[in-house]
């Protein structure tokens, strides 16, 4: 069975489309990961600004809040 010329030209195009989709998925995953880390950073900064009464309302002590604030914003 002989392949037509149009069939051989579609294969590289399909490969390129597949690579673009894969790259787009990785890009979305990377952006979601960065956004998650930045949200943790923002929430820790907000935690830093709470008063002792407000910390008590959320069930934390000042020492626990300081321990959480001192964590790396990126790795933990």
C-alpha atoms as a PDB file:
ATOM      1  CA  UNK A   1       0.000   0.000   0.000  1.00  0.00           C
ATOM      2  CA  UNK A   2       1.569   3.265  -1.062  1.00  0.00           C
ATOM      3  CA  UNK A   3       1.306   6.381   1.079  1.00  0.00           C
ATOM      4  CA  UNK A   4       0.062   9.508  -0.563  1.00  0.00           C
ATOM      5  CA  UNK A   5       2.094  12.699  -0.377  1.00  0.00           C
ATOM      6  CA  UNK A   6      -0.578  14.424   1.733  1.00  0.00           C
ATOM      7  CA  UNK A   7      -0.343  11.681   4.381  1.00  0.00           C
ATOM      8  CA  UNK A   8       3.407  12.160   4.801  1.00  0.00           C
ATOM      9  CA  UNK A   9       3.029  15.940   5.128  1.00  0.00           C
ATOM     10  CA  UNK A  10       0.416  15.645   7.901  1.00  0.00           C
ATOM     11  CA  UNK A  11       2.672  13.638  10.191  1.00  0.00           C
ATOM     12  CA  UNK A  12       5.150  16.457  11.013  1.00  0.00           C
ATOM     13  CA  UNK A  13       2.211  18.826  11.552  1.00  0.00           C
ATOM     14  CA  UNK A  14       0.646  16.381  14.002  1.00  0.00           C
ATOM     15  CA  UNK A  15       3.964  16.075  15.813  1.00  0.00           C
ATOM     16  CA  UNK A  16       4.241  19.845  16.109  1.00  0.00           C
ATOM     17  CA  UNK A  17       0.667  20.117  17.404  1.00  0.00           C
ATOM     18  CA  UNK A  18       1.353  17.401  19.953  1.00  0.00           C
ATOM     19  CA  UNK A  19       4.509  19.179  21.122  1.00  0.00           C
ATOM     20  CA  UNK A  20       2.651  22.485  21.405  1.00  0.00           C
ATOM     21  CA  UNK A  21      -0.100  20.852  23.491  1.00  0.00           C
ATOM     22  CA  UNK A  22       2.472  19.193  25.744  1.00  0.00           C
ATOM     23  CA  UNK A  23       4.330  22.484  26.192  1.00  0.00           C
ATOM     24  CA  UNK A  24       1.077  24.290  26.946  1.00  0.00           C
ATOM     25  CA  UNK A  25       0.177  21.701  29.605  1.00  0.00           C
ATOM     26  CA  UNK A  26       3.585  22.110  31.253  1.00  0.00           C
ATOM     27  CA  UNK A  27       3.219  25.879  31.093  1.00  0.00           C
ATOM     28  CA  UNK A  28      -0.192  25.763  32.792  1.00  0.00           C
ATOM     29  CA  UNK A  29       1.186  23.417  35.455  1.00  0.00           C
ATOM     30  CA  UNK A  30       4.145  25.712  36.063  1.00  0.00           C
ATOM     31  CA  UNK A  31       1.913  28.780  36.361  1.00  0.00           C
ATOM     32  CA  UNK A  32      -0.450  26.970  38.738  1.00  0.00           C
ATOM     33  CA  UNK A  33       2.492  25.897  40.900  1.00  0.00           C
ATOM     34  CA  UNK A  34       3.908  29.416  41.027  1.00  0.00           C
ATOM     35  CA  UNK A  35       0.486  30.851  41.874  1.00  0.00           C
ATOM     36  CA  UNK A  36       0.067  28.291  44.678  1.00  0.00           C
ATOM     37  CA  UNK A  37       3.462  29.206  46.163  1.00  0.00           C
ATOM     38  CA  UNK A  38       2.737  32.929  45.955  1.00  0.00           C
ATOM     39  CA  UNK A  39      -0.637  32.411  47.649  1.00  0.00           C
ATOM     40  CA  UNK A  40       1.127  30.613  50.524  1.00  0.00           C
ATOM     41  CA  UNK A  41       3.531  33.548  50.754  1.00  0.00           C
ATOM     42  CA  UNK A  42       0.651  36.045  50.854  1.00  0.00           C
ATOM     43  CA  UNK A  43      -1.211  34.095  53.522  1.00  0.00           C
ATOM     44  CA  UNK A  44       1.909  33.868  55.681  1.00  0.00           C
ATOM     45  CA  UNK A  45       2.412  37.621  55.401  1.00  0.00           C
ATOM     46  CA  UNK A  46      -1.202  38.133  56.435  1.00  0.00           C
ATOM     47  CA  UNK A  47      -0.676  35.765  59.365  1.00  0.00           C
ATOM     48  CA  UNK A  48       2.235  37.930  60.454  1.00  0.00           C
ATOM     49  CA  UNK A  49      -0.044  40.967  60.689  1.00  0.00           C
ATOM     50  CA  UNK A  50      -2.705  39.336  62.904  1.00  0.00           C
ATOM     51  CA  UNK A  51      -3.076  40.359  66.523  1.00  0.00           C
ATOM     52  CA  UNK A  52      -2.932  37.850  69.363  1.00  0.00           C
ATOM     53  CA  UNK A  53      -6.734  37.904  69.654  1.00  0.00           C
ATOM     54  CA  UNK A  54      -7.129  37.218  65.941  1.00  0.00           C
ATOM     55  CA  UNK A  55      -4.594  34.378  66.153  1.00  0.00           C
ATOM     56  CA  UNK A  56      -6.566  32.931  69.054  1.00  0.00           C
ATOM     57  CA  UNK A  57      -9.709  33.061  66.879  1.00  0.00           C
ATOM     58  CA  UNK A  58      -8.048  30.868  64.253  1.00  0.00           C
ATOM     59  CA  UNK A  59      -6.584  28.574  66.899  1.00  0.00           C
ATOM     60  CA  UNK A  60      -2.921  29.566  66.755  1.00  0.00           C
ATOM     61  CA  UNK A  61      -0.500  30.904  69.287  1.00  0.00           C
ATOM     62  CA  UNK A  62       2.031  33.616  68.502  1.00  0.00           C
ATOM     63  CA  UNK A  63       4.814  30.977  68.613  1.00  0.00           C
ATOM     64  CA  UNK A  64       2.992  28.759  66.111  1.00  0.00           C
ATOM     65  CA  UNK A  65       2.407  31.738  63.846  1.00  0.00           C
ATOM     66  CA  UNK A  66       6.087  32.703  64.001  1.00  0.00           C
ATOM     67  CA  UNK A  67       7.076  29.125  63.154  1.00  0.00           C
ATOM     68  CA  UNK A  68       4.767  29.182  60.140  1.00  0.00           C
ATOM     69  CA  UNK A  69       5.958  32.616  59.035  1.00  0.00           C
ATOM     70  CA  UNK A  70       9.599  31.572  59.208  1.00  0.00           C
ATOM     71  CA  UNK A  71       9.057  28.754  56.698  1.00  0.00           C
ATOM     72  CA  UNK A  72      10.400  29.231  53.213  1.00  0.00           C
ATOM     73  CA  UNK A  73       7.727  30.573  50.880  1.00  0.00           C
ATOM     74  CA  UNK A  74       8.995  28.392  48.064  1.00  0.00           C
ATOM     75  CA  UNK A  75       9.952  25.010  49.483  1.00  0.00           C
ATOM     76  CA  UNK A  76       7.376  24.343  52.169  1.00  0.00           C
END
